[in-house]
Amino acid sequence: MLSTLIPGRLTAVRTNPLKSFRAIDRLTLLYILVATIVLIAHFAGWRGADPSNSEVAWLVTAHVLVVALAVLAPFARAQNPSKHNFWAEWYPAFIMTGLYSSVGLLNGGEEWGGVVVFDRLVQRWDVAVFGHDIAKDTIRNYPSAWISWILNLSYLAYYVLIICSPAVLWAKGKRGAARQALFAICLIFFICYIVFLFFPVAGPQYFWSIPSNAYTRTGAARLVYWIMERGDAWGSAFPSSHVAAAVVATVFAFRGWKPLGWVLLLPTLGICLAVVFTQVHYGVDALAGLLLAALICPLIPLLCPVEEAPNCGAVAAEAAVAA
């Protein structure tokens, strides 16, 4: 991957590096800046955190590598400004899982700093909005195997859905729409990650045990809980990034190619219900995810226009040099 990003022809970037950076590069660097500030604060003892040297080294290394990718991407685009460079456009999708894991480390998990969570406050919000602890009660009040299969398969589809939206558009040749969808999904994730860092909420599964009933004993439910046990990042419940990212991915699938949007719609609706039914998120987590998606979607065309050329910054820079 890195070899793809090594510059060949550097004229455009050397002429005006800022014009060679795309919106996705600036977004990635901005997130790393915020995450690095949080890391420094934790290292200084914020919230009583006491990270080990190995944890700090892992996080610093991860941040440096992400910065390197974001800086090298414009060089890769400058090699051939008239064409689309896959790695230069898609690198954020490949680093998102690592950044999610780093949120858990920055929040400290149960080892250091993880005692600072705001679950009790969010639980009070749930009672105020829904009249009861909806995340605790729903899974116990509706112990249905068929509901479990439908909702948990929808939940599992999330991991394909969020990448399917821009990937299918890219494969269909709708590169501008794919780039816009990818930017929108990354923006949603980065906003969620920043909220996680400053307002960590562990989630209902850490406060109420998962009951043993027809809902939780299906194969789909067991797989969901297995994934959560091994891949959850501490403090990443509010807002629900599952809901927010799935809704945004579906909205931009509709905008890019309506048949794709219709395919993604049902699993997205299932995800919105599954996160609460399966006791992974509080009810207000899901509502906050929906609200965040509703606020972000109208802004994306302004931040990342679909009409943008493959590397308009580099093309403009080369034109200026030629003139």
Protein backbone atom coordinates (compact mmCIF):
# COMPACT_ATOMS: atom_id res chain seq x y z
CA MET A 1 0.00 0.00 0.00
CA LEU A 2 2.68 2.47 0.96
CA SER A 3 4.54 1.84 -2.28
CA THR A 4 1.46 3.05 -4.13
CA LEU A 5 1.70 6.33 -2.28
CA ILE A 6 5.37 7.05 -3.01
CA PRO A 7 5.52 10.10 -5.27
CA GLY A 8 6.60 9.80 -8.86
CA ARG A 9 5.94 13.24 -10.34
CA LEU A 10 5.84 15.92 -7.63
CA THR A 11 5.32 19.12 -9.61
CA ALA A 12 1.75 19.77 -8.47
CA VAL A 13 2.41 19.07 -4.81
CA ARG A 14 5.61 21.12 -4.67
CA THR A 15 3.89 24.01 -6.41
CA ASN A 16 1.09 24.28 -3.85
CA PRO A 17 0.75 21.38 -1.40
CA LEU A 18 -2.46 22.70 0.15
CA LYS A 19 -4.29 22.49 -3.18
CA SER A 20 -3.36 18.84 -3.52
CA PHE A 21 -5.04 17.87 -0.27
CA ARG A 22 -8.56 16.59 -0.61
CA ALA A 23 -11.35 17.06 1.91
CA ILE A 24 -10.81 13.51 3.20
CA ASP A 25 -7.12 14.25 3.92
CA ARG A 26 -7.91 17.40 5.87
CA LEU A 27 -10.63 15.58 7.79
CA THR A 28 -8.27 12.73 8.73
CA LEU A 29 -5.54 15.09 9.90
CA LEU A 30 -8.01 17.13 11.95
CA TYR A 31 -9.19 14.02 13.77
CA ILE A 32 -5.62 12.91 14.49
CA LEU A 33 -4.88 16.36 15.91
CA VAL A 34 -7.82 16.09 18.33
CA ALA A 35 -6.94 12.49 19.27
CA THR A 36 -3.32 13.48 19.89
CA ILE A 37 -4.40 16.29 22.21
CA VAL A 38 -6.48 13.78 24.16
CA LEU A 39 -3.52 11.39 24.29
CA ILE A 40 -1.28 14.13 25.68
CA ALA A 41 -3.95 15.01 28.26
CA HIS A 42 -4.20 11.37 29.36
CA PHE A 43 -0.43 11.09 29.58
CA ALA A 44 -0.51 14.17 31.82
CA GLY A 45 -2.98 12.43 34.13
CA TRP A 46 -6.34 13.71 32.86
CA ARG A 47 -9.18 11.74 34.48
CA GLY A 48 -6.61 9.90 36.56
CA ALA A 49 -5.37 7.96 33.56
CA ASP A 50 -2.14 6.04 33.84
CA PRO A 51 -1.31 4.60 30.39
CA SER A 52 1.59 2.18 30.11
CA ASN A 53 4.58 3.00 27.95
CA SER A 54 3.59 0.28 25.46
CA GLU A 55 0.08 1.71 25.12
CA VAL A 56 1.41 5.21 24.54
CA ALA A 57 3.93 3.86 22.02
CA TRP A 58 1.18 1.99 20.14
CA LEU A 59 -1.04 5.07 19.98
CA VAL A 60 1.76 7.42 18.92
CA THR A 61 2.86 4.96 16.21
CA ALA A 62 -0.70 4.63 14.95
CA HIS A 63 -1.14 8.41 14.80
CA VAL A 64 2.16 8.88 12.95
CA LEU A 65 1.22 6.23 10.37
CA VAL A 66 -2.18 7.83 9.75
CA VAL A 67 -0.57 11.25 9.32
CA ALA A 68 1.89 9.71 6.85
CA LEU A 69 -0.93 8.23 4.79
CA ALA A 70 -2.86 11.52 4.74
CA VAL A 71 0.26 13.43 3.67
CA LEU A 72 1.38 10.89 1.06
CA ALA A 73 -2.04 10.59 -0.57
CA PRO A 74 -1.74 13.91 -2.45
CA PHE A 75 1.64 12.83 -3.83
CA ALA A 76 0.06 9.66 -5.19
CA ARG A 77 -2.71 11.67 -6.84
CA ALA A 78 -0.13 14.00 -8.36
CA GLN A 79 1.41 11.11 -10.30
CA ASN A 80 -1.58 11.18 -12.66
CA PRO A 81 -4.07 13.94 -11.83
CA SER A 82 -6.53 12.84 -14.52
CA LYS A 83 -7.08 9.37 -13.02
CA HIS A 84 -8.44 7.95 -9.78
CA ASN A 85 -5.89 6.48 -7.39
CA PHE A 86 -7.64 3.79 -5.34
CA TRP A 87 -5.31 3.78 -2.32
CA ALA A 88 -5.12 7.57 -2.18
CA GLU A 89 -8.91 7.78 -2.11
CA TRP A 90 -9.70 4.78 0.08
CA TYR A 91 -6.99 4.77 2.77
CA PRO A 92 -9.37 6.17 5.45
CA ALA A 93 -11.61 3.11 5.08
CA PHE A 94 -8.67 0.84 5.90
CA ILE A 95 -7.59 2.74 9.01
CA MET A 96 -11.02 3.22 10.58
CA THR A 97 -10.99 -0.03 12.56
CA GLY A 98 -7.58 0.79 14.04
CA LEU A 99 -8.74 4.26 15.00
CA TYR A 100 -11.83 2.77 16.65
CA SER A 101 -9.60 0.48 18.70
CA SER A 102 -7.46 3.45 19.69
CA VAL A 103 -10.56 5.13 21.12
CA GLY A 104 -10.83 2.26 23.60
CA LEU A 105 -7.19 2.68 24.55
CA LEU A 106 -7.50 6.45 24.88
CA ASN A 107 -10.58 6.00 27.07
CA GLY A 108 -8.59 3.55 29.12
CA GLY A 109 -10.93 0.58 29.09
CA GLU A 110 -11.20 -1.07 32.45
CA GLU A 111 -7.44 -0.87 33.02
CA TRP A 112 -6.80 2.88 33.33
CA GLY A 113 -9.12 5.84 33.19
CA GLY A 114 -12.07 3.70 32.13
CA VAL A 115 -13.87 4.33 35.40
CA VAL A 116 -14.87 7.73 33.99
CA VAL A 117 -18.06 7.04 32.06
CA PHE A 118 -21.38 8.84 31.83
CA ASP A 119 -23.70 5.84 31.69
CA ARG A 120 -25.77 6.82 34.72
CA LEU A 121 -26.58 10.15 33.09
CA VAL A 122 -27.53 8.50 29.79
CA GLN A 123 -29.67 5.95 31.66
CA ARG A 124 -31.60 8.86 33.20
CA TRP A 125 -32.08 10.30 29.72
CA ASP A 126 -33.50 6.96 28.58
CA VAL A 127 -36.04 6.95 31.40
CA ALA A 128 -36.95 10.58 30.69
CA VAL A 129 -37.49 9.93 26.96
CA PHE A 130 -38.96 6.42 26.95
CA GLY A 131 -40.41 6.14 30.45
CA HIS A 132 -38.26 3.14 31.38
CA ASP A 133 -34.83 1.56 30.84
CA ILE A 134 -35.56 0.58 27.26
CA ALA A 135 -32.14 -1.01 26.65
CA LYS A 136 -32.61 -3.27 29.68
CA ASP A 137 -36.30 -4.07 29.30
CA THR A 138 -36.75 -4.68 25.57
CA ILE A 139 -34.58 -7.77 25.33
CA ARG A 140 -36.39 -9.22 28.36
CA ASN A 141 -39.92 -8.28 27.28
CA TYR A 142 -39.61 -9.66 23.74
CA PRO A 143 -37.62 -12.92 23.96
CA SER A 144 -38.43 -13.96 20.40
CA ALA A 145 -36.12 -16.14 18.32
CA TRP A 146 -37.41 -14.87 14.97
CA ILE A 147 -37.01 -11.24 16.04
CA SER A 148 -33.51 -12.15 17.16
CA TRP A 149 -32.58 -13.62 13.79
CA ILE A 150 -33.93 -10.64 11.85
CA LEU A 151 -32.36 -7.95 14.03
CA ASN A 152 -29.03 -9.64 14.71
CA LEU A 153 -28.51 -10.49 11.03
CA SER A 154 -29.21 -6.81 10.33
CA TYR A 155 -26.64 -5.87 12.97
CA LEU A 156 -24.07 -8.19 11.38
CA ALA A 157 -24.85 -6.71 7.96
CA TYR A 158 -23.59 -3.37 9.27
CA TYR A 159 -19.98 -4.41 8.76
CA VAL A 160 -20.65 -4.96 5.05
CA LEU A 161 -23.19 -2.17 4.59
CA ILE A 162 -20.97 0.77 5.50
CA ILE A 163 -18.29 -0.20 2.97
CA CYS A 164 -20.77 -1.53 0.41
CA SER A 165 -22.27 1.90 -0.22
CA PRO A 166 -19.12 3.65 -1.55
CA ALA A 167 -17.62 0.41 -2.93
CA VAL A 168 -20.57 -0.40 -5.19
CA LEU A 169 -20.74 3.20 -6.40
CA TRP A 170 -17.02 3.06 -7.15
CA ALA A 171 -17.43 -0.22 -9.04
CA LYS A 172 -20.31 1.28 -11.03
CA GLY A 173 -17.98 4.04 -12.21
CA LYS A 174 -19.73 6.68 -10.08
CA ARG A 175 -16.45 7.82 -8.59
CA GLY A 176 -17.62 11.26 -7.47
CA ALA A 177 -20.63 9.78 -5.65
CA ALA A 178 -18.42 7.07 -4.12
CA ARG A 179 -15.92 9.65 -2.90
CA GLN A 180 -18.71 11.72 -1.39
CA ALA A 181 -20.25 8.69 0.35
CA LEU A 182 -16.85 7.68 1.76
CA PHE A 183 -16.23 11.21 3.02
CA ALA A 184 -19.66 11.30 4.68
CA ILE A 185 -19.11 7.96 6.42
CA CYS A 186 -15.64 8.97 7.62
CA LEU A 187 -16.95 12.32 8.89
CA ILE A 188 -19.66 10.54 10.88
CA PHE A 189 -17.13 8.13 12.38
CA PHE A 190 -14.68 10.89 13.30
CA ILE A 191 -17.40 12.97 14.96
CA CYS A 192 -18.56 9.92 16.93
CA TYR A 193 -14.99 9.09 17.94
CA ILE A 194 -14.43 12.61 19.23
CA VAL A 195 -17.63 12.45 21.29
CA PHE A 196 -16.50 9.07 22.64
CA LEU A 197 -13.21 10.61 23.78
CA PHE A 198 -14.80 13.50 25.67
CA PHE A 199 -18.06 11.87 26.74
CA PRO A 200 -17.34 8.14 27.17
CA VAL A 201 -20.38 5.92 27.66
CA ALA A 202 -19.65 2.22 28.08
CA GLY A 203 -23.07 0.86 27.14
CA PRO A 204 -25.86 -1.13 28.81
CA GLN A 205 -24.11 -4.50 28.44
CA TYR A 206 -21.61 -3.37 31.09
CA PHE A 207 -24.32 -2.46 33.61
CA TRP A 208 -26.95 -5.17 33.11
CA SER A 209 -26.13 -8.78 32.38
CA ILE A 210 -27.31 -10.24 29.08
CA PRO A 211 -30.30 -12.49 29.87
CA SER A 212 -30.49 -16.08 28.69
CA ASN A 213 -33.65 -16.41 26.63
CA ALA A 214 -34.88 -17.24 23.13
CA TYR A 215 -33.57 -13.92 21.79
CA THR A 216 -30.01 -14.32 23.04
CA ARG A 217 -29.66 -18.05 22.32
CA THR A 218 -29.89 -17.84 18.51
CA GLY A 219 -26.75 -18.32 16.44
CA ALA A 220 -26.93 -14.76 15.12
CA ALA A 221 -27.17 -13.31 18.63
CA ARG A 222 -24.29 -15.43 19.87
CA LEU A 223 -22.13 -14.19 17.00
CA VAL A 224 -23.01 -10.56 17.74
CA TYR A 225 -22.08 -10.95 21.42
CA TRP A 226 -18.88 -12.76 20.46
CA ILE A 227 -17.87 -9.84 18.22
CA MET A 228 -18.79 -7.29 20.88
CA GLU A 229 -16.79 -9.11 23.53
CA ARG A 230 -13.65 -9.05 21.40
CA GLY A 231 -14.02 -5.88 19.34
CA ASP A 232 -15.83 -3.32 21.47
CA ALA A 233 -14.03 -0.07 22.30
CA TRP A 234 -14.57 1.13 25.85
CA GLY A 235 -16.70 4.28 26.04
CA SER A 236 -18.06 4.12 22.48
CA ALA A 237 -21.82 3.87 23.07
CA PHE A 238 -23.06 7.46 22.72
CA PRO A 239 -23.95 8.35 20.03
CA SER A 240 -24.48 5.06 18.21
CA SER A 241 -21.97 5.07 15.36
CA HIS A 242 -23.72 1.93 14.06
CA VAL A 243 -26.93 3.88 13.52
CA ALA A 244 -25.30 7.08 12.31
CA ALA A 245 -22.93 5.42 9.82
CA ALA A 246 -25.57 3.00 8.49
CA VAL A 247 -28.06 5.81 7.89
CA VAL A 248 -25.46 8.01 6.18
CA ALA A 249 -24.23 5.12 4.01
CA THR A 250 -27.81 4.40 2.92
CA VAL A 251 -28.65 8.05 2.25
CA PHE A 252 -25.64 8.44 -0.05
CA ALA A 253 -26.34 5.11 -1.69
CA PHE A 254 -29.76 6.50 -2.64
CA ARG A 255 -28.15 9.69 -3.91
CA GLY A 256 -25.60 7.81 -6.00
CA TRP A 257 -27.67 4.89 -7.29
CA LYS A 258 -31.22 4.36 -6.05
CA PRO A 259 -31.32 0.54 -6.45
CA LEU A 260 -28.38 0.30 -4.04
CA GLY A 261 -30.19 2.51 -1.56
CA TRP A 262 -33.24 0.25 -1.60
CA VAL A 263 -31.04 -2.80 -0.99
CA LEU A 264 -29.42 -1.16 2.06
CA LEU A 265 -32.60 0.33 3.50
CA LEU A 266 -34.01 -2.75 5.26
CA PRO A 267 -30.78 -3.76 7.04
CA THR A 268 -30.34 -0.13 8.09
CA LEU A 269 -33.79 -0.08 9.69
CA GLY A 270 -32.91 -3.36 11.36
CA ILE A 271 -29.67 -1.92 12.73
CA CYS A 272 -31.56 1.02 14.29
CA LEU A 273 -33.70 -1.44 16.24
CA ALA A 274 -31.05 -4.10 16.85
CA VAL A 275 -28.64 -1.86 18.76
CA VAL A 276 -31.26 -1.40 21.49
CA PHE A 277 -32.93 -4.81 21.30
CA THR A 278 -29.58 -6.57 21.67
CA GLN A 279 -28.62 -4.38 24.68
CA VAL A 280 -25.63 -2.90 22.92
CA HIS A 281 -26.81 0.73 23.05
CA TYR A 282 -29.18 2.83 25.10
CA GLY A 283 -32.28 4.17 23.36
CA VAL A 284 -30.95 7.73 23.33
CA ASP A 285 -27.71 6.42 21.75
CA ALA A 286 -29.74 5.35 18.71
CA LEU A 287 -31.71 8.61 18.68
CA ALA A 288 -28.49 10.62 18.86
CA GLY A 289 -27.08 8.60 15.95
CA LEU A 290 -30.18 9.37 13.88
CA LEU A 291 -29.99 13.06 14.77
CA LEU A 292 -26.30 13.25 13.93
CA ALA A 293 -26.91 11.65 10.54
CA ALA A 294 -29.78 14.05 9.86
CA LEU A 295 -27.56 17.03 10.68
CA ILE A 296 -24.54 15.86 8.68
CA CYS A 297 -26.15 14.67 5.44
CA PRO A 298 -27.20 18.13 4.19
CA LEU A 299 -23.68 19.49 4.82
CA ILE A 300 -21.78 16.88 2.82
CA PRO A 301 -22.39 18.36 -0.67
CA LEU A 302 -20.87 21.60 0.61
CA LEU A 303 -17.86 19.91 2.18
CA CYS A 304 -17.21 17.36 -0.59
CA PRO A 305 -19.04 18.17 -3.86
CA VAL A 306 -19.80 15.15 -6.01
CA GLU A 307 -18.75 17.06 -9.13
CA GLU A 308 -15.19 17.41 -7.86
CA ALA A 309 -12.62 16.13 -10.37
CA PRO A 310 -10.32 13.22 -9.45
CA ASN A 311 -7.58 15.59 -8.34
CA CYS A 312 -8.82 19.10 -9.03
CA GLY A 313 -6.22 20.65 -6.72
CA ALA A 314 -3.32 19.10 -8.57
CA VAL A 315 -4.81 19.93 -11.97
CA ALA A 316 -5.21 23.57 -10.96
CA ALA A 317 -1.65 23.71 -9.68
CA GLU A 318 -0.25 22.22 -12.89
CA ALA A 319 -2.26 24.69 -14.97
CA ALA A 320 -0.78 27.54 -12.98
CA VAL A 321 2.73 26.21 -13.53
CA ALA A 322 2.12 25.82 -17.27
CA ALA A 323 0.82 29.37 -17.48
